[in-house]
C-alpha atoms as a PDB file:
ATOM      1  CA  UNK A   1     -15.240  18.169  47.446  1.00  0.00           C
ATOM      2  CA  UNK A   2     -16.656  18.665  43.993  1.00  0.00           C
ATOM      3  CA  UNK A   3     -16.493  21.858  41.985  1.00  0.00           C
ATOM      4  CA  UNK A   4     -19.591  23.622  40.837  1.00  0.00           C
ATOM      5  CA  UNK A   5     -18.351  23.612  37.250  1.00  0.00           C
ATOM      6  CA  UNK A   6     -19.228  19.918  36.865  1.00  0.00           C
ATOM      7  CA  UNK A   7     -22.933  20.508  37.559  1.00  0.00           C
ATOM      8  CA  UNK A   8     -23.562  23.746  35.657  1.00  0.00           C
ATOM      9  CA  UNK A   9     -24.315  22.093  32.276  1.00  0.00           C
ATOM     10  CA  UNK A  10     -27.065  20.007  33.904  1.00  0.00           C
ATOM     11  CA  UNK A  11     -28.639  23.118  35.438  1.00  0.00           C
ATOM     12  CA  UNK A  12     -28.736  25.205  32.283  1.00  0.00           C
ATOM     13  CA  UNK A  13     -32.250  26.038  31.127  1.00  0.00           C
ATOM     14  CA  UNK A  14     -33.652  24.337  28.055  1.00  0.00           C
ATOM     15  CA  UNK A  15     -36.889  24.969  26.175  1.00  0.00           C
ATOM     16  CA  UNK A  16     -38.959  23.058  28.747  1.00  0.00           C
ATOM     17  CA  UNK A  17     -37.597  24.827  31.810  1.00  0.00           C
ATOM     18  CA  UNK A  18     -39.582  28.050  31.506  1.00  0.00           C
ATOM     19  CA  UNK A  19     -42.811  26.543  30.172  1.00  0.00           C
ATOM     20  CA  UNK A  20     -45.895  28.151  31.821  1.00  0.00           C
ATOM     21  CA  UNK A  21     -43.979  30.129  34.443  1.00  0.00           C
ATOM     22  CA  UNK A  22     -44.498  33.618  35.721  1.00  0.00           C
ATOM     23  CA  UNK A  23     -41.954  36.327  35.011  1.00  0.00           C
ATOM     24  CA  UNK A  24     -41.004  36.383  38.699  1.00  0.00           C
ATOM     25  CA  UNK A  25     -40.123  32.670  38.648  1.00  0.00           C
ATOM     26  CA  UNK A  26     -38.095  33.055  35.478  1.00  0.00           C
ATOM     27  CA  UNK A  27     -36.156  35.976  36.949  1.00  0.00           C
ATOM     28  CA  UNK A  28     -35.431  34.126  40.205  1.00  0.00           C
ATOM     29  CA  UNK A  29     -34.135  31.142  38.211  1.00  0.00           C
ATOM     30  CA  UNK A  30     -31.892  33.345  36.095  1.00  0.00           C
ATOM     31  CA  UNK A  31     -30.572  35.208  39.155  1.00  0.00           C
ATOM     32  CA  UNK A  32     -29.714  31.995  40.969  1.00  0.00           C
ATOM     33  CA  UNK A  33     -28.057  30.534  37.854  1.00  0.00           C
ATOM     34  CA  UNK A  34     -25.948  33.686  37.448  1.00  0.00           C
ATOM     35  CA  UNK A  35     -24.909  33.472  41.113  1.00  0.00           C
ATOM     36  CA  UNK A  36     -23.771  29.880  40.631  1.00  0.00           C
ATOM     37  CA  UNK A  37     -22.019  30.746  37.389  1.00  0.00           C
ATOM     38  CA  UNK A  38     -20.143  33.518  39.201  1.00  0.00           C
ATOM     39  CA  UNK A  39     -18.900  31.013  41.799  1.00  0.00           C
ATOM     40  CA  UNK A  40     -18.268  28.101  39.422  1.00  0.00           C
ATOM     41  CA  UNK A  41     -14.666  27.615  40.527  1.00  0.00           C
ATOM     42  CA  UNK A  42     -15.620  27.127  44.184  1.00  0.00           C
ATOM     43  CA  UNK A  43     -16.111  23.797  45.883  1.00  0.00           C
ATOM     44  CA  UNK A  44     -19.426  22.319  46.954  1.00  0.00           C
ATOM     45  CA  UNK A  45     -19.816  20.082  49.982  1.00  0.00           C
ATOM     46  CA  UNK A  46     -20.185  16.407  49.120  1.00  0.00           C
ATOM     47  CA  UNK A  47     -23.541  16.035  50.875  1.00  0.00           C
ATOM     48  CA  UNK A  48     -25.057  18.972  48.978  1.00  0.00           C
ATOM     49  CA  UNK A  49     -23.544  17.746  45.696  1.00  0.00           C
ATOM     50  CA  UNK A  50     -25.048  14.264  46.086  1.00  0.00           C
ATOM     51  CA  UNK A  51     -28.396  15.719  47.138  1.00  0.00           C
ATOM     52  CA  UNK A  52     -28.454  17.926  44.020  1.00  0.00           C
ATOM     53  CA  UNK A  53     -27.719  14.918  41.783  1.00  0.00           C
ATOM     54  CA  UNK A  54     -30.561  12.994  43.448  1.00  0.00           C
ATOM     55  CA  UNK A  55     -32.953  15.888  42.878  1.00  0.00           C
ATOM     56  CA  UNK A  56     -31.952  16.185  39.216  1.00  0.00           C
ATOM     57  CA  UNK A  57     -32.467  12.462  38.605  1.00  0.00           C
ATOM     58  CA  UNK A  58     -35.928  12.377  40.184  1.00  0.00           C
ATOM     59  CA  UNK A  59     -38.748  11.786  37.732  1.00  0.00           C
ATOM     60  CA  UNK A  60     -41.819  13.115  39.487  1.00  0.00           C
ATOM     61  CA  UNK A  61     -41.371  16.885  39.217  1.00  0.00           C
ATOM     62  CA  UNK A  62     -41.238  19.494  36.497  1.00  0.00           C
ATOM     63  CA  UNK A  63     -37.969  20.460  34.851  1.00  0.00           C
ATOM     64  CA  UNK A  64     -38.029  23.907  36.465  1.00  0.00           C
ATOM     65  CA  UNK A  65     -38.617  22.507  39.960  1.00  0.00           C
ATOM     66  CA  UNK A  66     -35.872  19.906  39.702  1.00  0.00           C
ATOM     67  CA  UNK A  67     -33.278  22.383  38.477  1.00  0.00           C
ATOM     68  CA  UNK A  68     -34.312  25.155  40.860  1.00  0.00           C
ATOM     69  CA  UNK A  69     -34.269  22.872  43.921  1.00  0.00           C
ATOM     70  CA  UNK A  70     -30.873  21.494  42.883  1.00  0.00           C
ATOM     71  CA  UNK A  71     -29.484  25.006  42.453  1.00  0.00           C
ATOM     72  CA  UNK A  72     -30.776  26.030  45.881  1.00  0.00           C
ATOM     73  CA  UNK A  73     -29.158  22.954  47.448  1.00  0.00           C
ATOM     74  CA  UNK A  74     -25.863  23.709  45.744  1.00  0.00           C
ATOM     75  CA  UNK A  75     -25.950  27.362  46.786  1.00  0.00           C
ATOM     76  CA  UNK A  76     -26.271  26.267  50.411  1.00  0.00           C
ATOM     77  CA  UNK A  77     -23.222  24.014  50.082  1.00  0.00           C
ATOM     78  CA  UNK A  78     -20.740  26.387  48.421  1.00  0.00           C
ATOM     79  CA  UNK A  79     -17.593  26.756  50.476  1.00  0.00           C
ATOM     80  CA  UNK A  80     -16.156  30.283  50.319  1.00  0.00           C
END
């Protein structure tokens, strides 16, 4: 099991993340990031962790999509 704390720096928004997005998309990204930040000490299942890394390393999608999909995958794999 991996902790969420190891992936949070890769998921943080940079100047390209919010480029040409609606306010609703920006808010949903920020809400999901805050949720993950709140649970940063919890473990993430290995399958979800590896899937999130694969999504982040993919080259074909926008920065927002890669990070948002990875955060969704991680949120599904958090063990409470």
